[in-house]
Amino acid sequence: MSKETILLIEDEKNIVELVQYNLEQSGFKVLKAARGNDGLDQARKNKPALIILDLMLPELDGIEICKILKQNDSTAHIPIIILTAKSTESDKIVGLELGADDYVTKPFSPKELAARVKAVLRRGQERPKAKILTAGGLELDDHRHVTSIKKKPINLTSKEYDLLKTLMSASGRVLSRELLLEEIWGYDQSVQIETRTVDMHILQLRKKLKSEAHRIVTVKNVGYRFDDE
């Protein structure tokens, strides 16, 4: 069986060596690019299974690369994990808004990063049963992978879509952040991760749901539930 290829676009040599070693130990083939333009060219040419993308790069920054890839039909399907030294919430939100699947903040655990790579790839391979979910003016059509409010489609990232579907499918049950991470990102409970990832996606999802945003209810110290009444 051929190895899945991961494209690592990162200009810090020590991080490249560390990440490459751990990914190869996990059974992946790793392609590398230290400059933005080179990384973009390799993504277009090789169509990797997943891209690990640093935000701060020479020539072309990671945000611009993510934007270009997600706007092109031939590369839009490639999952992206943002690797960044930036810790401000706005930097992470921009990447997630452009369609990135996850982010990891430096310094990070190479084993955690490898676990996130596996989780993102595993989620992409799953084929859940299609269905239509409705609440008020909100409709999620899993047959066509379309979400709309009062029949007007809204643009959700893949993780926002999965998050909304999971909450709507829970029939009013409260779902913890940890459970949402496992369901949507596929992480094992033994891997230490940031539950803040869920909160950031909920924040962006609520903004896009506008008049229907109130249906996602925060349950203090627990998690979230979806109110369909």
Protein backbone atom coordinates (compact mmCIF):
# COMPACT_ATOMS: atom_id res chain seq x y z
CA MET A 1 0.00 0.00 0.00
CA SER A 2 1.43 3.41 -0.97
CA LYS A 3 2.08 5.94 1.77
CA GLU A 4 -0.10 9.04 2.03
CA THR A 5 1.82 12.20 1.18
CA ILE A 6 1.96 15.20 3.51
CA LEU A 7 3.25 18.54 2.24
CA LEU A 8 5.03 20.54 4.97
CA ILE A 9 5.41 24.24 4.12
CA GLU A 10 7.69 25.62 6.85
CA ASP A 11 10.89 27.67 6.82
CA GLU A 12 12.31 26.81 10.25
CA LYS A 13 14.77 23.98 9.66
CA ASN A 14 14.62 22.49 13.17
CA ILE A 15 10.81 22.33 13.04
CA VAL A 16 10.92 20.75 9.57
CA GLU A 17 13.30 18.02 10.76
CA LEU A 18 11.23 17.32 13.88
CA VAL A 19 7.88 17.19 12.08
CA GLN A 20 9.27 15.17 9.16
CA TYR A 21 10.74 12.56 11.49
CA ASN A 22 7.50 12.10 13.46
CA LEU A 23 5.32 11.96 10.36
CA GLU A 24 7.59 9.43 8.68
CA GLN A 25 7.55 7.36 11.88
CA SER A 26 3.77 7.44 11.61
CA GLY A 27 3.91 6.02 8.08
CA PHE A 28 3.60 9.13 5.93
CA LYS A 29 5.68 10.35 3.00
CA VAL A 30 6.75 13.97 3.54
CA LEU A 31 7.33 16.66 0.91
CA LYS A 32 8.95 19.90 2.07
CA ALA A 33 8.93 23.55 1.00
CA ALA A 34 10.66 26.41 2.80
CA ARG A 35 9.24 29.25 0.71
CA GLY A 36 5.66 30.19 0.01
CA ASN A 37 5.80 30.10 -3.78
CA ASP A 38 7.53 26.72 -3.78
CA GLY A 39 4.93 25.33 -1.38
CA LEU A 40 2.10 26.56 -3.59
CA ASP A 41 3.70 25.02 -6.67
CA GLN A 42 4.19 21.66 -4.93
CA ALA A 43 0.59 21.65 -3.70
CA ARG A 44 -0.68 22.21 -7.22
CA LYS A 45 1.67 19.67 -8.78
CA ASN A 46 1.60 16.82 -6.25
CA LYS A 47 -1.94 17.11 -4.78
CA PRO A 48 -0.88 15.83 -1.31
CA ALA A 49 -3.29 14.11 1.04
CA LEU A 50 -2.85 16.98 3.53
CA ILE A 51 -0.87 20.21 3.91
CA ILE A 52 0.78 21.49 7.08
CA LEU A 53 1.12 25.21 6.51
CA ASP A 54 3.12 27.80 8.44
CA LEU A 55 1.65 31.31 8.40
CA MET A 56 4.92 33.27 8.39
CA LEU A 57 6.78 32.36 5.19
CA PRO A 58 9.18 34.06 2.75
CA GLU A 59 7.70 35.37 -0.54
CA LEU A 60 4.09 34.30 0.05
CA ASP A 61 2.48 33.96 3.48
CA GLY A 62 0.39 31.02 4.64
CA ILE A 63 -2.91 32.90 4.65
CA GLU A 64 -2.51 33.80 0.99
CA ILE A 65 -1.52 30.22 0.12
CA CYS A 66 -4.58 28.87 1.94
CA LYS A 67 -6.82 31.35 0.14
CA ILE A 68 -5.43 30.45 -3.30
CA LEU A 69 -5.68 26.69 -2.72
CA LYS A 70 -9.24 26.81 -1.38
CA GLN A 71 -10.45 28.93 -4.29
CA ASN A 72 -9.14 26.44 -6.88
CA ASP A 73 -11.34 23.43 -7.64
CA SER A 74 -8.32 21.16 -8.16
CA THR A 75 -6.88 21.86 -4.69
CA ALA A 76 -9.88 22.98 -2.61
CA HIS A 77 -10.43 19.43 -1.30
CA ILE A 78 -6.94 19.17 0.26
CA PRO A 79 -7.19 19.50 4.06
CA ILE A 80 -4.92 22.10 5.66
CA ILE A 81 -3.53 22.30 9.19
CA ILE A 82 -2.14 25.73 10.03
CA LEU A 83 1.13 25.77 11.96
CA THR A 84 1.71 29.17 13.54
CA ALA A 85 3.69 31.07 16.14
CA LYS A 86 0.93 33.67 16.20
CA SER A 87 -1.20 33.28 19.31
CA THR A 88 -3.86 35.93 18.71
CA GLU A 89 -7.36 34.64 18.10
CA SER A 90 -7.83 36.77 14.98
CA ASP A 91 -4.93 35.08 13.15
CA LYS A 92 -6.39 31.64 13.78
CA ILE A 93 -9.90 32.70 12.83
CA VAL A 94 -8.73 34.07 9.48
CA GLY A 95 -7.21 30.70 8.58
CA LEU A 96 -10.28 28.77 9.68
CA GLU A 97 -12.53 31.17 7.77
CA LEU A 98 -10.56 30.50 4.60
CA GLY A 99 -11.22 26.78 4.97
CA ALA A 100 -8.30 25.42 7.01
CA ASP A 101 -9.29 22.30 8.97
CA ASP A 102 -7.28 22.91 12.12
CA TYR A 103 -4.43 24.90 13.63
CA VAL A 104 -1.50 24.12 15.91
CA THR A 105 0.29 26.87 17.87
CA LYS A 106 4.06 26.79 18.33
CA PRO A 107 5.60 25.42 20.48
CA PHE A 108 3.78 22.14 19.94
CA SER A 109 4.12 18.41 20.50
CA PRO A 110 5.16 16.59 17.29
CA LYS A 111 3.16 13.57 18.43
CA GLU A 112 0.06 15.73 18.86
CA LEU A 113 0.54 17.15 15.38
CA ALA A 114 0.85 13.64 13.94
CA ALA A 115 -2.36 12.67 15.78
CA ARG A 116 -4.16 15.67 14.31
CA VAL A 117 -2.97 14.77 10.81
CA LYS A 118 -4.35 11.25 11.21
CA ALA A 119 -7.62 12.58 12.61
CA VAL A 120 -8.19 15.02 9.75
CA LEU A 121 -7.44 12.33 7.16
CA ARG A 122 -9.69 9.82 8.93
CA ARG A 123 -12.58 12.27 8.98
CA GLY A 124 -12.20 12.81 5.26
CA GLN A 125 -12.53 9.08 4.62
CA GLU A 126 -15.77 8.66 6.57
CA ARG A 127 -19.04 8.56 4.64
CA PRO A 128 -21.95 9.18 7.04
CA LYS A 129 -25.52 8.58 5.90
CA ALA A 130 -27.01 11.59 4.19
CA LYS A 131 -30.05 13.31 5.69
CA ILE A 132 -31.89 16.63 5.91
CA LEU A 133 -32.02 18.44 9.26
CA THR A 134 -34.24 21.46 9.89
CA ALA A 135 -34.93 23.94 12.69
CA GLY A 136 -36.88 27.14 12.15
CA GLY A 137 -35.54 28.73 8.99
CA LEU A 138 -32.34 26.69 9.12
CA GLU A 139 -31.88 23.65 6.87
CA LEU A 140 -28.88 21.33 6.57
CA ASP A 141 -29.15 19.11 3.50
CA ASP A 142 -26.55 16.39 3.87
CA HIS A 143 -27.52 14.90 0.50
CA ARG A 144 -26.17 17.97 -1.26
CA HIS A 145 -23.87 19.16 1.54
CA VAL A 146 -25.68 22.50 1.59
CA THR A 147 -26.74 24.65 4.54
CA SER A 148 -29.31 27.39 4.08
CA ILE A 149 -31.31 29.96 6.05
CA LYS A 150 -34.77 30.67 4.66
CA LYS A 151 -33.72 28.89 1.45
CA LYS A 152 -30.61 31.09 1.03
CA PRO A 153 -27.36 29.06 1.09
CA ILE A 154 -24.66 30.05 3.58
CA ASN A 155 -20.97 29.31 3.13
CA LEU A 156 -19.56 27.08 5.89
CA THR A 157 -16.10 25.57 6.17
CA SER A 158 -15.95 21.77 6.38
CA LYS A 159 -15.48 21.84 10.16
CA GLU A 160 -18.27 24.36 10.70
CA TYR A 161 -20.58 22.15 8.64
CA ASP A 162 -19.61 19.01 10.60
CA LEU A 163 -20.01 20.87 13.89
CA LEU A 164 -23.48 22.12 13.01
CA LYS A 165 -24.57 18.68 11.76
CA THR A 166 -23.32 16.99 14.94
CA LEU A 167 -25.14 19.48 17.18
CA MET A 168 -28.37 19.29 15.17
CA SER A 169 -28.24 15.48 15.15
CA ALA A 170 -27.89 15.32 18.94
CA SER A 171 -31.63 16.07 19.45
CA GLY A 172 -31.10 18.66 22.19
CA ARG A 173 -28.46 16.72 24.13
CA VAL A 174 -25.57 18.70 25.61
CA LEU A 175 -22.29 17.79 23.93
CA SER A 176 -19.03 18.45 25.73
CA ARG A 177 -16.10 20.11 24.00
CA GLU A 178 -14.12 16.91 24.40
CA LEU A 179 -16.83 14.85 22.73
CA LEU A 180 -17.10 17.35 19.87
CA LEU A 181 -13.34 17.17 19.37
CA GLU A 182 -13.53 13.39 19.16
CA GLU A 183 -16.58 13.37 16.87
CA ILE A 184 -15.43 16.07 14.46
CA TRP A 185 -11.65 16.09 14.69
CA GLY A 186 -11.30 12.42 15.60
CA TYR A 187 -8.91 12.87 18.48
CA ASP A 188 -8.36 10.22 21.11
CA GLN A 189 -9.05 11.37 24.68
CA SER A 190 -5.49 10.46 25.67
CA VAL A 191 -4.08 13.17 23.38
CA GLN A 192 -3.90 16.56 25.05
CA ILE A 193 -5.48 19.17 22.78
CA GLU A 194 -6.99 22.62 22.98
CA THR A 195 -10.75 22.58 23.57
CA ARG A 196 -10.54 26.24 22.53
CA THR A 197 -10.57 24.91 18.97
CA VAL A 198 -14.27 24.09 19.42
CA ASP A 199 -15.06 27.51 20.91
CA MET A 200 -13.45 29.31 17.97
CA HIS A 201 -15.46 27.30 15.45
CA ILE A 202 -18.68 27.90 17.42
CA LEU A 203 -17.94 31.64 17.41
CA GLN A 204 -17.58 31.71 13.63
CA LEU A 205 -20.56 29.41 13.09
CA ARG A 206 -22.83 31.66 15.13
CA LYS A 207 -21.79 34.68 13.07
CA LYS A 208 -22.74 32.89 9.86
CA LEU A 209 -26.05 31.58 11.23
CA LYS A 210 -27.15 35.16 12.03
CA SER A 211 -30.88 35.01 12.90
CA GLU A 212 -30.57 31.30 13.77
CA ALA A 213 -27.43 31.71 15.89
CA HIS A 214 -29.42 31.56 19.14
CA ARG A 215 -30.08 27.88 18.53
CA ILE A 216 -26.51 27.01 19.54
CA VAL A 217 -26.69 27.29 23.32
CA THR A 218 -23.63 27.42 25.58
CA VAL A 219 -23.98 25.23 28.68
CA LYS A 220 -21.54 26.73 31.19
CA ASN A 221 -18.60 24.49 32.16
CA VAL A 222 -19.96 21.67 30.00
CA GLY A 223 -20.25 22.36 26.28
CA TYR A 224 -22.98 23.12 23.75
CA ARG A 225 -26.44 21.99 22.69
CA PHE A 226 -28.69 22.78 19.74
CA ASP A 227 -32.18 24.19 20.39
CA ASP A 228 -34.55 23.27 17.56
CA GLU A 229 -37.65 24.80 19.12
